[in-house]
Amino acid sequence: MSLFSLRNVSFRYPSQTKDALHEVTCDIEEGEFVALLGADGSGKTTFAKLLNGIIPHV
């Protein structure tokens, strides 16, 4: 069973015209180590905020 699971999640900040996250699918299992790598503005912080509940799951 996944500790955290996302299926086709997209998120766009209200003032933007482009999605910060677009159709993200991810499973994180208990005990796994996960690294987020990407260029500036690629959605790493948005993804982390989603995991931490700072951005509500809708």
PDB file of N, CA and C in Angstrom:
ATOM      1  N   MET A   1       0.833  -1.185   0.000  1.00  0.00           N
ATOM      2  CA  MET A   1       0.000   0.000   0.000  1.00  0.00           C
ATOM      3  C   MET A   1       0.879   1.251   0.000  1.00  0.00           C
ATOM      4  N   SER A   2       0.515   2.239  -0.791  1.00  0.00           N
ATOM      5  CA  SER A   2       1.280   3.479  -0.902  1.00  0.00           C
ATOM      6  C   SER A   2       1.068   4.367   0.317  1.00  0.00           C
ATOM      7  N   LEU A   3       2.144   4.980   0.770  1.00  0.00           N
ATOM      8  CA  LEU A   3       2.061   5.977   1.830  1.00  0.00           C
ATOM      9  C   LEU A   3       1.437   7.255   1.269  1.00  0.00           C
ATOM     10  N   PHE A   4       1.755   7.542   0.010  1.00  0.00           N
ATOM     11  CA  PHE A   4       1.220   8.709  -0.676  1.00  0.00           C
ATOM     12  C   PHE A   4       1.010   8.362  -2.133  1.00  0.00           C
ATOM     13  N   SER A   5      -0.116   8.755  -2.675  1.00  0.00           N
ATOM     14  CA  SER A   5      -0.440   8.416  -4.058  1.00  0.00           C
ATOM     15  C   SER A   5      -1.119   9.595  -4.751  1.00  0.00           C
ATOM     16  N   LEU A   6      -0.645   9.933  -5.940  1.00  0.00           N
ATOM     17  CA  LEU A   6      -1.257  10.967  -6.774  1.00  0.00           C
ATOM     18  C   LEU A   6      -1.641  10.344  -8.105  1.00  0.00           C
ATOM     19  N   ARG A   7      -2.770  10.755  -8.645  1.00  0.00           N
ATOM     20  CA  ARG A   7      -3.216  10.272  -9.956  1.00  0.00           C
ATOM     21  C   ARG A   7      -3.671  11.456 -10.797  1.00  0.00           C
ATOM     22  N   ASN A   8      -2.918  11.736 -11.836  1.00  0.00           N
ATOM     23  CA  ASN A   8      -3.265  12.788 -12.806  1.00  0.00           C
ATOM     24  C   ASN A   8      -3.584  14.130 -12.143  1.00  0.00           C
ATOM     25  N   VAL A   9      -2.739  14.554 -11.213  1.00  0.00           N
ATOM     26  CA  VAL A   9      -2.943  15.809 -10.487  1.00  0.00           C
ATOM     27  C   VAL A   9      -2.353  16.980 -11.275  1.00  0.00           C
ATOM     28  N   SER A  10      -3.149  18.007 -11.448  1.00  0.00           N
ATOM     29  CA  SER A  10      -2.687  19.251 -12.063  1.00  0.00           C
ATOM     30  C   SER A  10      -2.972  20.392 -11.095  1.00  0.00           C
ATOM     31  N   PHE A  11      -2.108  21.402 -11.116  1.00  0.00           N
ATOM     32  CA  PHE A  11      -2.301  22.567 -10.249  1.00  0.00           C
ATOM     33  C   PHE A  11      -1.796  23.804 -10.968  1.00  0.00           C
ATOM     34  N   ARG A  12      -2.576  24.865 -10.892  1.00  0.00           N
ATOM     35  CA  ARG A  12      -2.186  26.147 -11.479  1.00  0.00           C
ATOM     36  C   ARG A  12      -2.437  27.234 -10.447  1.00  0.00           C
ATOM     37  N   TYR A  13      -1.433  28.079 -10.225  1.00  0.00           N
ATOM     38  CA  TYR A  13      -1.613  29.217  -9.333  1.00  0.00           C
ATOM     39  C   TYR A  13      -2.571  30.210  -9.996  1.00  0.00           C
ATOM     40  N   PRO A  14      -3.427  30.868  -9.209  1.00  0.00           N
ATOM     41  CA  PRO A  14      -4.466  31.741  -9.775  1.00  0.00           C
ATOM     42  C   PRO A  14      -3.949  32.813 -10.736  1.00  0.00           C
ATOM     43  N   SER A  15      -2.772  33.347 -10.490  1.00  0.00           N
ATOM     44  CA  SER A  15      -2.265  34.447 -11.319  1.00  0.00           C
ATOM     45  C   SER A  15      -1.498  33.973 -12.557  1.00  0.00           C
ATOM     46  N   GLN A  16      -1.427  32.663 -12.778  1.00  0.00           N
ATOM     47  CA  GLN A  16      -0.616  32.115 -13.869  1.00  0.00           C
ATOM     48  C   GLN A  16      -1.470  31.578 -15.011  1.00  0.00           C
ATOM     49  N   THR A  17      -0.858  31.437 -16.177  1.00  0.00           N
ATOM     50  CA  THR A  17      -1.548  30.865 -17.336  1.00  0.00           C
ATOM     51  C   THR A  17      -1.075  29.450 -17.638  1.00  0.00           C
ATOM     52  N   LYS A  18      -0.013  29.010 -16.954  1.00  0.00           N
ATOM     53  CA  LYS A  18       0.561  27.684 -17.180  1.00  0.00           C
ATOM     54  C   LYS A  18       0.497  26.872 -15.890  1.00  0.00           C
ATOM     55  N   ASP A  19       0.211  25.571 -16.006  1.00  0.00           N
ATOM     56  CA  ASP A  19       0.163  24.698 -14.831  1.00  0.00           C
ATOM     57  C   ASP A  19       1.535  24.593 -14.173  1.00  0.00           C
ATOM     58  N   ALA A  20       1.576  24.668 -12.839  1.00  0.00           N
ATOM     59  CA  ALA A  20       2.801  24.388 -12.095  1.00  0.00           C
ATOM     60  C   ALA A  20       3.037  22.882 -12.055  1.00  0.00           C
ATOM     61  N   LEU A  21       1.950  22.114 -11.986  1.00  0.00           N
ATOM     62  CA  LEU A  21       1.985  20.652 -12.085  1.00  0.00           C
ATOM     63  C   LEU A  21       0.943  20.255 -13.119  1.00  0.00           C
ATOM     64  N   HIS A  22       1.297  19.326 -13.996  1.00  0.00           N
ATOM     65  CA  HIS A  22       0.371  18.914 -15.050  1.00  0.00           C
ATOM     66  C   HIS A  22       0.298  17.394 -15.128  1.00  0.00           C
ATOM     67  N   GLU A  23      -0.847  16.850 -14.749  1.00  0.00           N
ATOM     68  CA  GLU A  23      -1.130  15.417 -14.818  1.00  0.00           C
ATOM     69  C   GLU A  23      -0.031  14.552 -14.176  1.00  0.00           C
ATOM     70  N   VAL A  24       0.338  14.908 -12.948  1.00  0.00           N
ATOM     71  CA  VAL A  24       1.369  14.176 -12.205  1.00  0.00           C
ATOM     72  C   VAL A  24       0.770  12.911 -11.602  1.00  0.00           C
ATOM     73  N   THR A  25       1.453  11.804 -11.804  1.00  0.00           N
ATOM     74  CA  THR A  25       1.087  10.529 -11.189  1.00  0.00           C
ATOM     75  C   THR A  25       2.308  10.024 -10.434  1.00  0.00           C
ATOM     76  N   CYS A  26       2.115   9.662  -9.160  1.00  0.00           N
ATOM     77  CA  CYS A  26       3.244   9.267  -8.325  1.00  0.00           C
ATOM     78  C   CYS A  26       2.759   8.399  -7.168  1.00  0.00           C
ATOM     79  N   ASP A  27       3.510   7.358  -6.859  1.00  0.00           N
ATOM     80  CA  ASP A  27       3.279   6.545  -5.669  1.00  0.00           C
ATOM     81  C   ASP A  27       4.552   6.560  -4.837  1.00  0.00           C
ATOM     82  N   ILE A  28       4.419   6.848  -3.557  1.00  0.00           N
ATOM     83  CA  ILE A  28       5.550   6.803  -2.634  1.00  0.00           C
ATOM     84  C   ILE A  28       5.229   5.760  -1.581  1.00  0.00           C
ATOM     85  N   GLU A  29       6.074   4.765  -1.501  1.00  0.00           N
ATOM     86  CA  GLU A  29       5.882   3.666  -0.564  1.00  0.00           C
ATOM     87  C   GLU A  29       6.592   3.969   0.753  1.00  0.00           C
ATOM     88  N   GLU A  30       6.092   3.400   1.829  1.00  0.00           N
ATOM     89  CA  GLU A  30       6.717   3.562   3.140  1.00  0.00           C
ATOM     90  C   GLU A  30       8.162   3.080   3.081  1.00  0.00           C
ATOM     91  N   GLY A  31       9.084   3.879   3.628  1.00  0.00           N
ATOM     92  CA  GLY A  31      10.497   3.523   3.660  1.00  0.00           C
ATOM     93  C   GLY A  31      11.284   3.978   2.440  1.00  0.00           C
ATOM     94  N   GLU A  32      10.611   4.475   1.419  1.00  0.00           N
ATOM     95  CA  GLU A  32      11.312   4.947   0.225  1.00  0.00           C
ATOM     96  C   GLU A  32      11.913   6.328   0.460  1.00  0.00           C
ATOM     97  N   PHE A  33      13.023   6.590  -0.208  1.00  0.00           N
ATOM     98  CA  PHE A  33      13.619   7.914  -0.246  1.00  0.00           C
ATOM     99  C   PHE A  33      13.308   8.506  -1.611  1.00  0.00           C
ATOM    100  N   VAL A  34      12.883   9.760  -1.620  1.00  0.00           N
ATOM    101  CA  VAL A  34      12.484  10.410  -2.864  1.00  0.00           C
ATOM    102  C   VAL A  34      13.258  11.713  -3.008  1.00  0.00           C
ATOM    103  N   ALA A  35      13.785  11.948  -4.200  1.00  0.00           N
ATOM    104  CA  ALA A  35      14.461  13.206  -4.516  1.00  0.00           C
ATOM    105  C   ALA A  35      13.712  13.887  -5.652  1.00  0.00           C
ATOM    106  N   LEU A  36      13.502  15.179  -5.517  1.00  0.00           N
ATOM    107  CA  LEU A  36      12.876  15.965  -6.580  1.00  0.00           C
ATOM    108  C   LEU A  36      13.959  16.764  -7.283  1.00  0.00           C
ATOM    109  N   LEU A  37      14.131  16.519  -8.553  1.00  0.00           N
ATOM    110  CA  LEU A  37      15.142  17.208  -9.343  1.00  0.00           C
ATOM    111  C   LEU A  37      14.466  17.910 -10.509  1.00  0.00           C
ATOM    112  N   GLY A  38      14.923  19.102 -10.817  1.00  0.00           N
ATOM    113  CA  GLY A  38      14.368  19.817 -11.959  1.00  0.00           C
ATOM    114  C   GLY A  38      14.864  21.244 -11.997  1.00  0.00           C
ATOM    115  N   ALA A  39      14.641  21.867 -13.121  1.00  0.00           N
ATOM    116  CA  ALA A  39      15.056  23.252 -13.322  1.00  0.00           C
ATOM    117  C   ALA A  39      14.214  24.202 -12.468  1.00  0.00           C
ATOM    118  N   ASP A  40      14.707  25.429 -12.326  1.00  0.00           N
ATOM    119  CA  ASP A  40      13.933  26.465 -11.635  1.00  0.00           C
ATOM    120  C   ASP A  40      12.574  26.605 -12.295  1.00  0.00           C
ATOM    121  N   GLY A  41      11.527  26.675 -11.476  1.00  0.00           N
ATOM    122  CA  GLY A  41      10.185  26.868 -12.003  1.00  0.00           C
ATOM    123  C   GLY A  41       9.520  25.622 -12.546  1.00  0.00           C
ATOM    124  N   SER A  42      10.098  24.446 -12.263  1.00  0.00           N
ATOM    125  CA  SER A  42       9.538  23.204 -12.820  1.00  0.00           C
ATOM    126  C   SER A  42       8.474  22.555 -11.936  1.00  0.00           C
ATOM    127  N   GLY A  43       8.211  23.123 -10.741  1.00  0.00           N
ATOM    128  CA  GLY A  43       7.146  22.602  -9.890  1.00  0.00           C
ATOM    129  C   GLY A  43       7.592  21.804  -8.677  1.00  0.00           C
ATOM    130  N   LYS A  44       8.889  21.801  -8.382  1.00  0.00           N
ATOM    131  CA  LYS A  44       9.396  21.031  -7.238  1.00  0.00           C
ATOM    132  C   LYS A  44       8.784  21.508  -5.922  1.00  0.00           C
ATOM    133  N   THR A  45       8.796  22.804  -5.686  1.00  0.00           N
ATOM    134  CA  THR A  45       8.253  23.352  -4.444  1.00  0.00           C
ATOM    135  C   THR A  45       6.747  23.161  -4.380  1.00  0.00           C
ATOM    136  N   THR A  46       6.070  23.337  -5.493  1.00  0.00           N
ATOM    137  CA  THR A  46       4.623  23.115  -5.537  1.00  0.00           C
ATOM    138  C   THR A  46       4.302  21.672  -5.180  1.00  0.00           C
ATOM    139  N   PHE A  47       5.057  20.726  -5.709  1.00  0.00           N
ATOM    140  CA  PHE A  47       4.865  19.309  -5.403  1.00  0.00           C
ATOM    141  C   PHE A  47       5.075  19.054  -3.911  1.00  0.00           C
ATOM    142  N   ALA A  48       6.139  19.627  -3.330  1.00  0.00           N
ATOM    143  CA  ALA A  48       6.414  19.452  -1.901  1.00  0.00           C
ATOM    144  C   ALA A  48       5.297  20.060  -1.048  1.00  0.00           C
ATOM    145  N   LYS A  49       4.779  21.215  -1.447  1.00  0.00           N
ATOM    146  CA  LYS A  49       3.671  21.838  -0.715  1.00  0.00           C
ATOM    147  C   LYS A  49       2.415  20.975  -0.785  1.00  0.00           C
ATOM    148  N   LEU A  50       2.198  20.335  -1.907  1.00  0.00           N
ATOM    149  CA  LEU A  50       1.063  19.428  -2.051  1.00  0.00           C
ATOM    150  C   LEU A  50       1.218  18.233  -1.108  1.00  0.00           C
ATOM    151  N   LEU A  51       2.420  17.666  -1.036  1.00  0.00           N
ATOM    152  CA  LEU A  51       2.679  16.531  -0.143  1.00  0.00           C
ATOM    153  C   LEU A  51       2.465  16.905   1.318  1.00  0.00           C
ATOM    154  N   ASN A  52       2.869  18.119   1.691  1.00  0.00           N
ATOM    155  CA  ASN A  52       2.781  18.567   3.088  1.00  0.00           C
ATOM    156  C   ASN A  52       1.420  19.109   3.474  1.00  0.00           C
ATOM    157  N   GLY A  53       0.510  19.224   2.517  1.00  0.00           N
ATOM    158  CA  GLY A  53      -0.819  19.731   2.815  1.00  0.00           C
ATOM    159  C   GLY A  53      -0.929  21.242   2.825  1.00  0.00           C
ATOM    160  N   ILE A  54       0.152  21.932   2.461  1.00  0.00           N
ATOM    161  CA  ILE A  54       0.100  23.394   2.387  1.00  0.00           C
ATOM    162  C   ILE A  54      -0.843  23.812   1.262  1.00  0.00           C
ATOM    163  N   ILE A  55      -0.805  23.057   0.163  1.00  0.00           N
ATOM    164  CA  ILE A  55      -1.791  23.214  -0.902  1.00  0.00           C
ATOM    165  C   ILE A  55      -2.820  22.118  -0.666  1.00  0.00           C
ATOM    166  N   PRO A  56      -4.066  22.478  -0.424  1.00  0.00           N
ATOM    167  CA  PRO A  56      -5.090  21.457  -0.131  1.00  0.00           C
ATOM    168  C   PRO A  56      -5.325  20.511  -1.303  1.00  0.00           C
ATOM    169  N   HIS A  57      -5.611  19.263  -0.993  1.00  0.00           N
ATOM    170  CA  HIS A  57      -5.981  18.285  -2.016  1.00  0.00           C
ATOM    171  C   HIS A  57      -7.430  18.541  -2.396  1.00  0.00           C
ATOM    172  N   VAL A  58      -7.662  18.758  -3.641  1.00  0.00           N
ATOM    173  CA  VAL A  58      -9.035  19.009  -4.103  1.00  0.00           C
ATOM    174  C   VAL A  58      -9.445  17.962  -5.104  1.00  0.00           C
TER     175      VAL A  58
END
